[in-house]
C-alpha atoms as a PDB file:
ATOM      1  CA  MET A   1      11.957 -49.581  31.818  1.00  0.00           C
ATOM      2  CA  LYS A   2      15.378 -48.348  30.798  1.00  0.00           C
ATOM      3  CA  MET A   3      18.878 -49.513  31.636  1.00  0.00           C
ATOM      4  CA  ILE A   4      21.333 -46.657  31.198  1.00  0.00           C
ATOM      5  CA  ASP A   5      24.070 -47.911  28.891  1.00  0.00           C
ATOM      6  CA  VAL A   6      27.431 -47.114  30.445  1.00  0.00           C
ATOM      7  CA  GLU A   7      30.741 -48.923  30.673  1.00  0.00           C
ATOM      8  CA  PRO A   8      30.377 -51.552  33.448  1.00  0.00           C
ATOM      9  CA  GLU A   9      32.077 -50.568  36.688  1.00  0.00           C
ATOM     10  CA  PRO A  10      34.644 -52.926  38.242  1.00  0.00           C
ATOM     11  CA  LEU A  11      33.071 -54.468  41.313  1.00  0.00           C
ATOM     12  CA  SER A  12      34.165 -53.649  44.839  1.00  0.00           C
ATOM     13  CA  PRO A  13      34.308 -56.576  47.299  1.00  0.00           C
ATOM     14  CA  SER A  14      30.836 -55.723  48.604  1.00  0.00           C
ATOM     15  CA  GLY A  15      29.537 -55.440  45.043  1.00  0.00           C
ATOM     16  CA  MET A  16      30.991 -58.855  44.234  1.00  0.00           C
ATOM     17  CA  ALA A  17      29.363 -60.371  47.334  1.00  0.00           C
ATOM     18  CA  PHE A  18      25.914 -59.162  46.339  1.00  0.00           C
ATOM     19  CA  GLU A  19      26.558 -60.103  42.722  1.00  0.00           C
ATOM     20  CA  LYS A  20      26.824 -63.687  43.955  1.00  0.00           C
ATOM     21  CA  ALA A  21      23.816 -63.305  46.245  1.00  0.00           C
ATOM     22  CA  ALA A  22      21.461 -61.826  43.636  1.00  0.00           C
ATOM     23  CA  LEU A  23      19.716 -64.994  42.445  1.00  0.00           C
ATOM     24  CA  SER A  24      18.882 -66.229  45.947  1.00  0.00           C
ATOM     25  CA  TYR A  25      18.462 -62.893  47.733  1.00  0.00           C
ATOM     26  CA  ASP A  26      14.664 -62.700  47.655  1.00  0.00           C
ATOM     27  CA  LEU A  27      14.292 -66.303  48.816  1.00  0.00           C
ATOM     28  CA  GLU A  28      16.820 -65.897  51.629  1.00  0.00           C
ATOM     29  CA  ALA A  29      15.803 -62.420  52.809  1.00  0.00           C
ATOM     30  CA  THR A  30      13.240 -60.270  50.981  1.00  0.00           C
ATOM     31  CA  ASN A  31      10.321 -62.707  50.997  1.00  0.00           C
ATOM     32  CA  LEU A  32      10.601 -63.841  54.628  1.00  0.00           C
ATOM     33  CA  MET A  33       7.788 -62.692  56.907  1.00  0.00           C
ATOM     34  CA  VAL A  34       9.912 -60.686  59.354  1.00  0.00           C
ATOM     35  CA  SER A  35      11.671 -58.975  56.462  1.00  0.00           C
ATOM     36  CA  ARG A  36       8.291 -58.044  54.949  1.00  0.00           C
ATOM     37  CA  TRP A  37       7.121 -56.519  58.212  1.00  0.00           C
ATOM     38  CA  LEU A  38      10.251 -54.394  58.543  1.00  0.00           C
ATOM     39  CA  ARG A  39      10.079 -53.291  54.919  1.00  0.00           C
ATOM     40  CA  GLU A  40       6.454 -52.247  55.364  1.00  0.00           C
ATOM     41  CA  ARG A  41       7.615 -49.946  58.164  1.00  0.00           C
ATOM     42  CA  ILE A  42       9.987 -48.288  55.688  1.00  0.00           C
ATOM     43  CA  TRP A  43       7.304 -48.083  53.008  1.00  0.00           C
ATOM     44  CA  LYS A  44       5.107 -46.162  55.423  1.00  0.00           C
ATOM     45  CA  ARG A  45       7.918 -43.635  55.842  1.00  0.00           C
ATOM     46  CA  LEU A  46       8.603 -43.445  52.094  1.00  0.00           C
ATOM     47  CA  SER A  47       4.930 -42.689  51.473  1.00  0.00           C
ATOM     48  CA  GLN A  48       5.338 -39.598  53.662  1.00  0.00           C
ATOM     49  CA  LEU A  49       8.582 -38.493  52.005  1.00  0.00           C
ATOM     50  CA  PHE A  50       7.632 -38.721  48.323  1.00  0.00           C
ATOM     51  CA  ASN A  51       4.570 -37.893  46.233  1.00  0.00           C
ATOM     52  CA  PRO A  52       3.236 -39.230  42.911  1.00  0.00           C
ATOM     53  CA  GLY A  53       4.905 -37.553  39.954  1.00  0.00           C
ATOM     54  CA  GLN A  54       8.183 -36.944  41.761  1.00  0.00           C
ATOM     55  CA  ARG A  55      11.524 -38.390  40.646  1.00  0.00           C
ATOM     56  CA  VAL A  56      13.800 -39.958  43.251  1.00  0.00           C
ATOM     57  CA  LEU A  57      17.142 -41.752  43.410  1.00  0.00           C
ATOM     58  CA  GLU A  58      17.523 -45.130  45.089  1.00  0.00           C
ATOM     59  CA  ILE A  59      21.028 -46.036  46.254  1.00  0.00           C
ATOM     60  CA  GLY A  60      21.540 -49.794  46.472  1.00  0.00           C
ATOM     61  CA  CYS A  61      18.269 -51.008  44.957  1.00  0.00           C
ATOM     62  CA  GLY A  62      19.063 -54.711  45.273  1.00  0.00           C
ATOM     63  CA  THR A  63      16.345 -56.761  43.598  1.00  0.00           C
ATOM     64  CA  GLY A  64      14.120 -53.703  43.211  1.00  0.00           C
ATOM     65  CA  GLU A  65      11.524 -54.301  45.909  1.00  0.00           C
ATOM     66  CA  ASP A  66      11.333 -50.682  47.058  1.00  0.00           C
ATOM     67  CA  ALA A  67      11.649 -49.172  43.575  1.00  0.00           C
ATOM     68  CA  VAL A  68       8.724 -51.276  42.346  1.00  0.00           C
ATOM     69  CA  TRP A  69       6.598 -50.303  45.350  1.00  0.00           C
ATOM     70  CA  LEU A  70       7.266 -46.599  44.770  1.00  0.00           C
ATOM     71  CA  ALA A  71       6.564 -46.930  41.051  1.00  0.00           C
ATOM     72  CA  GLN A  72       3.247 -48.609  41.876  1.00  0.00           C
ATOM     73  CA  HIS A  73       2.435 -45.411  43.756  1.00  0.00           C
ATOM     74  CA  GLY A  74       3.237 -43.163  40.799  1.00  0.00           C
ATOM     75  CA  ILE A  75       6.796 -42.167  41.689  1.00  0.00           C
ATOM     76  CA  GLN A  76       9.608 -42.251  39.131  1.00  0.00           C
ATOM     77  CA  VAL A  77      12.769 -43.980  40.371  1.00  0.00           C
ATOM     78  CA  LEU A  78      16.354 -44.079  39.203  1.00  0.00           C
ATOM     79  CA  ALA A  79      17.275 -47.387  40.833  1.00  0.00           C
ATOM     80  CA  SER A  80      21.024 -47.838  41.224  1.00  0.00           C
ATOM     81  CA  ASP A  81      23.202 -50.647  42.502  1.00  0.00           C
ATOM     82  CA  ALA A  82      26.830 -51.734  42.275  1.00  0.00           C
ATOM     83  CA  SER A  83      25.832 -55.253  41.177  1.00  0.00           C
ATOM     84  CA  PRO A  84      24.739 -55.888  37.559  1.00  0.00           C
ATOM     85  CA  ALA A  85      23.106 -59.150  38.662  1.00  0.00           C
ATOM     86  CA  MET A  86      20.992 -57.305  41.222  1.00  0.00           C
ATOM     87  CA  LEU A  87      19.989 -54.787  38.555  1.00  0.00           C
ATOM     88  CA  GLU A  88      18.925 -57.641  36.266  1.00  0.00           C
ATOM     89  CA  GLN A  89      16.728 -59.080  39.015  1.00  0.00           C
ATOM     90  CA  ALA A  90      15.237 -55.647  39.654  1.00  0.00           C
ATOM     91  CA  GLN A  91      14.515 -55.097  35.957  1.00  0.00           C
ATOM     92  CA  GLU A  92      12.692 -58.417  35.737  1.00  0.00           C
ATOM     93  CA  LYS A  93      10.657 -57.595  38.845  1.00  0.00           C
ATOM     94  CA  ALA A  94       9.672 -54.182  37.456  1.00  0.00           C
ATOM     95  CA  HIS A  95       8.585 -55.751  34.176  1.00  0.00           C
ATOM     96  CA  LYS A  96       6.440 -58.386  35.914  1.00  0.00           C
ATOM     97  CA  ALA A  97       4.850 -55.709  38.104  1.00  0.00           C
ATOM     98  CA  GLY A  98       3.928 -53.585  35.090  1.00  0.00           C
ATOM     99  CA  VAL A  99       5.842 -50.495  36.252  1.00  0.00           C
ATOM    100  CA  ALA A 100       8.859 -50.709  33.953  1.00  0.00           C
ATOM    101  CA  ASP A 101       8.060 -47.332  32.391  1.00  0.00           C
ATOM    102  CA  LEU A 102       8.583 -45.562  35.740  1.00  0.00           C
ATOM    103  CA  ILE A 103      11.950 -47.074  36.694  1.00  0.00           C
ATOM    104  CA  THR A 104      15.369 -46.455  35.173  1.00  0.00           C
ATOM    105  CA  PHE A 105      18.286 -48.662  36.218  1.00  0.00           C
ATOM    106  CA  GLN A 106      21.928 -47.666  36.454  1.00  0.00           C
ATOM    107  CA  GLN A 107      25.076 -49.194  37.913  1.00  0.00           C
ATOM    108  CA  LEU A 108      26.601 -46.735  40.392  1.00  0.00           C
ATOM    109  CA  ASP A 109      29.592 -47.285  42.655  1.00  0.00           C
ATOM    110  CA  LEU A 110      29.063 -45.977  46.181  1.00  0.00           C
ATOM    111  CA  THR A 111      32.796 -45.716  46.762  1.00  0.00           C
ATOM    112  CA  ASP A 112      33.084 -42.993  44.115  1.00  0.00           C
ATOM    113  CA  ALA A 113      29.907 -40.909  44.350  1.00  0.00           C
ATOM    114  CA  LEU A 114      31.557 -37.801  42.913  1.00  0.00           C
ATOM    115  CA  MET A 115      31.932 -39.664  39.601  1.00  0.00           C
ATOM    116  CA  TRP A 116      28.249 -40.516  39.216  1.00  0.00           C
ATOM    117  CA  ASN A 117      27.808 -37.730  36.656  1.00  0.00           C
ATOM    118  CA  LEU A 118      24.079 -37.338  37.297  1.00  0.00           C
ATOM    119  CA  PRO A 119      22.340 -34.126  36.165  1.00  0.00           C
ATOM    120  CA  GLU A 120      22.262 -31.285  38.686  1.00  0.00           C
ATOM    121  CA  HIS A 121      19.081 -30.721  40.718  1.00  0.00           C
ATOM    122  CA  THR A 122      17.066 -33.333  38.819  1.00  0.00           C
ATOM    123  CA  PHE A 123      15.810 -35.370  41.788  1.00  0.00           C
ATOM    124  CA  ASP A 124      13.083 -34.565  44.290  1.00  0.00           C
ATOM    125  CA  GLY A 125      14.641 -36.863  46.848  1.00  0.00           C
ATOM    126  CA  ALA A 126      16.747 -39.939  47.527  1.00  0.00           C
ATOM    127  CA  TYR A 127      16.663 -43.016  49.714  1.00  0.00           C
ATOM    128  CA  SER A 128      18.643 -46.129  50.561  1.00  0.00           C
ATOM    129  CA  ASN A 129      17.327 -49.093  52.510  1.00  0.00           C
ATOM    130  CA  PHE A 130      18.669 -51.963  54.631  1.00  0.00           C
ATOM    131  CA  GLY A 131      22.331 -51.123  54.918  1.00  0.00           C
ATOM    132  CA  ALA A 132      23.649 -50.357  51.434  1.00  0.00           C
ATOM    133  CA  LEU A 133      25.361 -47.272  52.873  1.00  0.00           C
ATOM    134  CA  ASN A 134      27.183 -49.426  55.433  1.00  0.00           C
ATOM    135  CA  CYS A 135      29.436 -50.630  52.610  1.00  0.00           C
ATOM    136  CA  ILE A 136      31.413 -47.365  52.746  1.00  0.00           C
ATOM    137  CA  GLY A 137      33.141 -45.785  55.723  1.00  0.00           C
ATOM    138  CA  ASP A 138      33.090 -42.126  54.696  1.00  0.00           C
ATOM    139  CA  TRP A 139      29.891 -40.409  53.578  1.00  0.00           C
ATOM    140  CA  ARG A 140      31.226 -36.934  52.742  1.00  0.00           C
ATOM    141  CA  SER A 141      31.503 -37.542  48.991  1.00  0.00           C
ATOM    142  CA  LEU A 142      27.993 -38.966  48.972  1.00  0.00           C
ATOM    143  CA  GLY A 143      26.736 -35.862  50.750  1.00  0.00           C
ATOM    144  CA  LEU A 144      28.396 -33.561  48.229  1.00  0.00           C
ATOM    145  CA  GLU A 145      26.859 -35.433  45.307  1.00  0.00           C
ATOM    146  CA  LEU A 146      23.413 -35.497  46.902  1.00  0.00           C
ATOM    147  CA  GLU A 147      23.669 -31.772  47.591  1.00  0.00           C
ATOM    148  CA  ARG A 148      24.340 -31.254  43.887  1.00  0.00           C
ATOM    149  CA  ILE A 149      21.607 -33.475  42.452  1.00  0.00           C
ATOM    150  CA  ILE A 150      18.738 -33.053  44.963  1.00  0.00           C
ATOM    151  CA  ARG A 151      16.497 -30.028  44.565  1.00  0.00           C
ATOM    152  CA  PRO A 152      16.185 -27.710  47.594  1.00  0.00           C
ATOM    153  CA  GLY A 153      13.322 -28.896  49.782  1.00  0.00           C
ATOM    154  CA  GLY A 154      13.809 -32.515  48.740  1.00  0.00           C
ATOM    155  CA  ASN A 155      13.452 -35.337  51.251  1.00  0.00           C
ATOM    156  CA  LEU A 156      15.955 -38.111  51.916  1.00  0.00           C
ATOM    157  CA  GLY A 157      15.619 -41.334  53.903  1.00  0.00           C
ATOM    158  CA  PHE A 158      18.352 -43.834  54.747  1.00  0.00           C
ATOM    159  CA  GLY A 159      18.363 -47.185  56.520  1.00  0.00           C
ATOM    160  CA  LEU A 160      21.733 -48.025  58.088  1.00  0.00           C
ATOM    161  CA  MET A 161      23.001 -50.648  60.496  1.00  0.00           C
ATOM    162  CA  GLY A 162      23.880 -49.038  63.816  1.00  0.00           C
ATOM    163  CA  ARG A 163      26.587 -49.750  66.373  1.00  0.00           C
ATOM    164  CA  LEU A 164      24.305 -51.203  69.037  1.00  0.00           C
ATOM    165  CA  CYS A 165      21.986 -54.054  68.095  1.00  0.00           C
ATOM    166  CA  ALA A 166      20.309 -55.355  71.253  1.00  0.00           C
ATOM    167  CA  TRP A 167      19.147 -58.564  69.567  1.00  0.00           C
ATOM    168  CA  GLU A 168      22.626 -59.380  68.282  1.00  0.00           C
ATOM    169  CA  ILE A 169      24.300 -58.646  71.612  1.00  0.00           C
ATOM    170  CA  VAL A 170      21.893 -60.689  73.746  1.00  0.00           C
ATOM    171  CA  TRP A 171      21.662 -63.609  71.309  1.00  0.00           C
ATOM    172  CA  SER A 172      25.433 -63.801  70.913  1.00  0.00           C
ATOM    173  CA  LEU A 173      26.075 -63.638  74.661  1.00  0.00           C
ATOM    174  CA  LEU A 174      23.535 -66.405  75.279  1.00  0.00           C
ATOM    175  CA  HIS A 175      25.480 -68.523  72.788  1.00  0.00           C
ATOM    176  CA  LEU A 176      28.844 -67.486  74.295  1.00  0.00           C
ATOM    177  CA  ASP A 177      29.924 -65.776  71.074  1.00  0.00           C
ATOM    178  CA  MET A 178      31.679 -62.777  72.621  1.00  0.00           C
ATOM    179  CA  GLY A 179      33.273 -61.684  69.348  1.00  0.00           C
ATOM    180  CA  LYS A 180      29.966 -61.335  67.549  1.00  0.00           C
ATOM    181  CA  ALA A 181      28.314 -59.645  70.521  1.00  0.00           C
ATOM    182  CA  GLY A 182      30.687 -56.698  70.254  1.00  0.00           C
ATOM    183  CA  ARG A 183      31.602 -56.750  66.581  1.00  0.00           C
ATOM    184  CA  ARG A 184      29.916 -53.415  65.780  1.00  0.00           C
ATOM    185  CA  TRP A 185      31.214 -51.402  68.714  1.00  0.00           C
ATOM    186  CA  SER A 186      34.404 -50.223  67.025  1.00  0.00           C
ATOM    187  CA  GLY A 187      32.411 -48.939  64.059  1.00  0.00           C
ATOM    188  CA  LYS A 188      33.759 -51.543  61.635  1.00  0.00           C
ATOM    189  CA  SER A 189      33.635 -55.305  61.087  1.00  0.00           C
ATOM    190  CA  LEU A 190      34.144 -57.850  58.321  1.00  0.00           C
ATOM    191  CA  ALA A 191      31.135 -59.425  56.609  1.00  0.00           C
ATOM    192  CA  ASN A 192      31.191 -62.709  54.716  1.00  0.00           C
ATOM    193  CA  ILE A 193      28.490 -63.143  52.076  1.00  0.00           C
ATOM    194  CA  HIS A 194      28.726 -66.045  49.650  1.00  0.00           C
ATOM    195  CA  HIS A 195      32.385 -66.521  50.644  1.00  0.00           C
ATOM    196  CA  VAL A 196      33.309 -62.925  49.823  1.00  0.00           C
ATOM    197  CA  ARG A 197      34.673 -60.893  52.731  1.00  0.00           C
ATOM    198  CA  PHE A 198      34.328 -57.121  52.824  1.00  0.00           C
ATOM    199  CA  PRO A 199      34.356 -54.356  55.449  1.00  0.00           C
ATOM    200  CA  VAL A 200      31.116 -53.051  56.931  1.00  0.00           C
ATOM    201  CA  TYR A 201      30.954 -49.708  58.745  1.00  0.00           C
ATOM    202  CA  TYR A 202      28.534 -48.667  61.494  1.00  0.00           C
ATOM    203  CA  PRO A 203      28.096 -44.901  61.832  1.00  0.00           C
ATOM    204  CA  THR A 204      26.114 -43.382  64.653  1.00  0.00           C
ATOM    205  CA  PRO A 205      23.216 -41.204  63.461  1.00  0.00           C
ATOM    206  CA  LYS A 206      25.143 -38.143  64.615  1.00  0.00           C
ATOM    207  CA  ARG A 207      28.274 -39.060  62.684  1.00  0.00           C
ATOM    208  CA  PHE A 208      26.338 -39.948  59.548  1.00  0.00           C
ATOM    209  CA  GLY A 209      24.451 -36.655  59.611  1.00  0.00           C
ATOM    210  CA  ARG A 210      27.630 -34.682  60.197  1.00  0.00           C
ATOM    211  CA  GLN A 211      29.393 -36.302  57.241  1.00  0.00           C
ATOM    212  CA  LEU A 212      26.362 -35.935  54.982  1.00  0.00           C
ATOM    213  CA  GLY A 213      26.954 -32.218  55.311  1.00  0.00           C
ATOM    214  CA  GLY A 214      25.411 -28.883  56.133  1.00  0.00           C
ATOM    215  CA  ALA A 215      23.060 -28.889  53.145  1.00  0.00           C
ATOM    216  CA  PHE A 216      20.766 -31.326  54.981  1.00  0.00           C
ATOM    217  CA  THR A 217      18.809 -31.030  58.220  1.00  0.00           C
ATOM    218  CA  ARG A 218      17.715 -34.087  60.177  1.00  0.00           C
ATOM    219  CA  GLN A 219      13.947 -34.544  60.413  1.00  0.00           C
ATOM    220  CA  PHE A 220      13.247 -37.995  61.860  1.00  0.00           C
ATOM    221  CA  LEU A 221      14.866 -41.068  63.412  1.00  0.00           C
ATOM    222  CA  MET A 222      13.476 -44.506  64.264  1.00  0.00           C
ATOM    223  CA  GLY A 223      14.819 -47.959  64.967  1.00  0.00           C
ATOM    224  CA  VAL A 224      14.320 -50.829  62.524  1.00  0.00           C
ATOM    225  CA  GLY A 225      14.620 -54.265  64.082  1.00  0.00           C
ATOM    226  CA  VAL A 226      14.461 -53.102  67.695  1.00  0.00           C
ATOM    227  CA  PHE A 227      12.100 -55.880  68.799  1.00  0.00           C
ATOM    228  CA  LEU A 228      12.098 -57.894  65.581  1.00  0.00           C
ATOM    229  CA  PRO A 229      15.361 -59.784  64.986  1.00  0.00           C
ATOM    230  CA  PRO A 230      18.256 -59.249  62.555  1.00  0.00           C
ATOM    231  CA  SER A 231      18.305 -61.120  59.263  1.00  0.00           C
ATOM    232  CA  GLU A 232      20.144 -64.234  60.434  1.00  0.00           C
ATOM    233  CA  LEU A 233      17.266 -64.915  62.857  1.00  0.00           C
ATOM    234  CA  TYR A 234      14.348 -64.182  60.505  1.00  0.00           C
ATOM    235  CA  VAL A 235      13.607 -67.880  60.002  1.00  0.00           C
ATOM    236  CA  ALA A 236      14.034 -68.907  63.651  1.00  0.00           C
ATOM    237  CA  VAL A 237      11.747 -66.192  64.988  1.00  0.00           C
ATOM    238  CA  GLY A 238       9.361 -66.272  62.028  1.00  0.00           C
ATOM    239  CA  SER A 239       8.672 -69.956  62.677  1.00  0.00           C
ATOM    240  CA  ARG A 240       7.049 -68.973  66.003  1.00  0.00           C
ATOM    241  CA  PRO A 241       3.880 -67.125  64.905  1.00  0.00           C
ATOM    242  CA  ARG A 242       2.670 -66.020  68.335  1.00  0.00           C
ATOM    243  CA  LEU A 243       6.069 -64.672  69.367  1.00  0.00           C
ATOM    244  CA  SER A 244       6.474 -62.994  65.984  1.00  0.00           C
ATOM    245  CA  ARG A 245       3.135 -61.205  66.256  1.00  0.00           C
ATOM    246  CA  TRP A 246       3.975 -59.849  69.708  1.00  0.00           C
ATOM    247  CA  LEU A 247       7.386 -58.661  68.567  1.00  0.00           C
ATOM    248  CA  HIS A 248       5.793 -57.044  65.521  1.00  0.00           C
ATOM    249  CA  LEU A 249       3.371 -55.151  67.760  1.00  0.00           C
ATOM    250  CA  LEU A 250       6.185 -53.998  70.049  1.00  0.00           C
ATOM    251  CA  GLU A 251       8.183 -52.910  66.999  1.00  0.00           C
ATOM    252  CA  LYS A 252       5.352 -50.655  65.846  1.00  0.00           C
ATOM    253  CA  LEU A 253       4.810 -49.212  69.327  1.00  0.00           C
ATOM    254  CA  GLY A 254       8.365 -48.736  70.524  1.00  0.00           C
ATOM    255  CA  SER A 255      10.789 -48.203  67.655  1.00  0.00           C
ATOM    256  CA  THR A 256      10.520 -44.398  67.678  1.00  0.00           C
ATOM    257  CA  LEU A 257      11.101 -43.982  71.420  1.00  0.00           C
ATOM    258  CA  PRO A 258      14.318 -42.212  72.495  1.00  0.00           C
ATOM    259  CA  GLY A 259      16.873 -44.779  73.594  1.00  0.00           C
ATOM    260  CA  LEU A 260      15.183 -47.650  71.767  1.00  0.00           C
ATOM    261  CA  ARG A 261      15.522 -46.173  68.285  1.00  0.00           C
ATOM    262  CA  VAL A 262      19.319 -46.574  68.308  1.00  0.00           C
ATOM    263  CA  ILE A 263      19.500 -50.195  69.520  1.00  0.00           C
ATOM    264  CA  GLY A 264      17.908 -51.897  66.513  1.00  0.00           C
ATOM    265  CA  ASP A 265      19.606 -53.886  63.791  1.00  0.00           C
ATOM    266  CA  HIS A 266      19.155 -50.760  61.654  1.00  0.00           C
ATOM    267  CA  TYR A 267      18.012 -47.208  62.143  1.00  0.00           C
ATOM    268  CA  TRP A 268      16.013 -45.142  59.666  1.00  0.00           C
ATOM    269  CA  ILE A 269      17.048 -41.504  59.430  1.00  0.00           C
ATOM    270  CA  GLU A 270      15.477 -38.731  57.352  1.00  0.00           C
ATOM    271  CA  PHE A 271      16.778 -35.381  56.156  1.00  0.00           C
ATOM    272  CA  LYS A 272      15.562 -32.395  54.181  1.00  0.00           C
ATOM    273  CA  ARG A 273      17.690 -30.664  51.556  1.00  0.00           C
ATOM    274  CA  ILE A 274      18.024 -27.016  52.571  1.00  0.00           C
END
């Protein structure tokens, strides 16, 4: 395990929010049953994108759950995050899992991807899970940097929050919370995590792909959290085992269907570097 020694980046508002959330993040999100089910759906996709011996970049690694899983399958990961506290949690997790030699950690600021200064064409692919890319509202700089550092033929997979979340709309309307029901529709809202407010952006798959740039071709799209609920309802739904199991089954059967794949809490979109 290696932590690249660079001058610490000043934290953006979203980075500060997750800096405060780092110590409790796994307890409040990662380790909950519904969260595990959704993550396993992503792991199945990652296993088809990357092969043992390859080197990939993770953008927004959080506490390192995905990086550790990939390393356990023989894949080298440069795990990046804006939050030093998240990186510390991820380092500890990698050490406990016995895969520290396959993961390098580095603080990278999503808002300034062109300043990452990573070596050209040194990665076989890249991925980002569960909404890290929603913390920026323009993905063109990210696309230019990924074009530079990803080898031709490399695979990329990204999990982003979309503009239409059926669960959020229906639940909010049932509770007469009209503001929350439509908060994503404009493409931007304000999040509040650990008393830190920051903007969150919701690109459509088409817009995200267009801004990523012409060096990438879209290969696959599925919904994540179409039938299973968004994070604020993980506990409420997870406490009902029979309901949860049915929703889990529907998620596996229906999340790739046209129409349904864009109404989940997130969507998972894959590209190939030309």
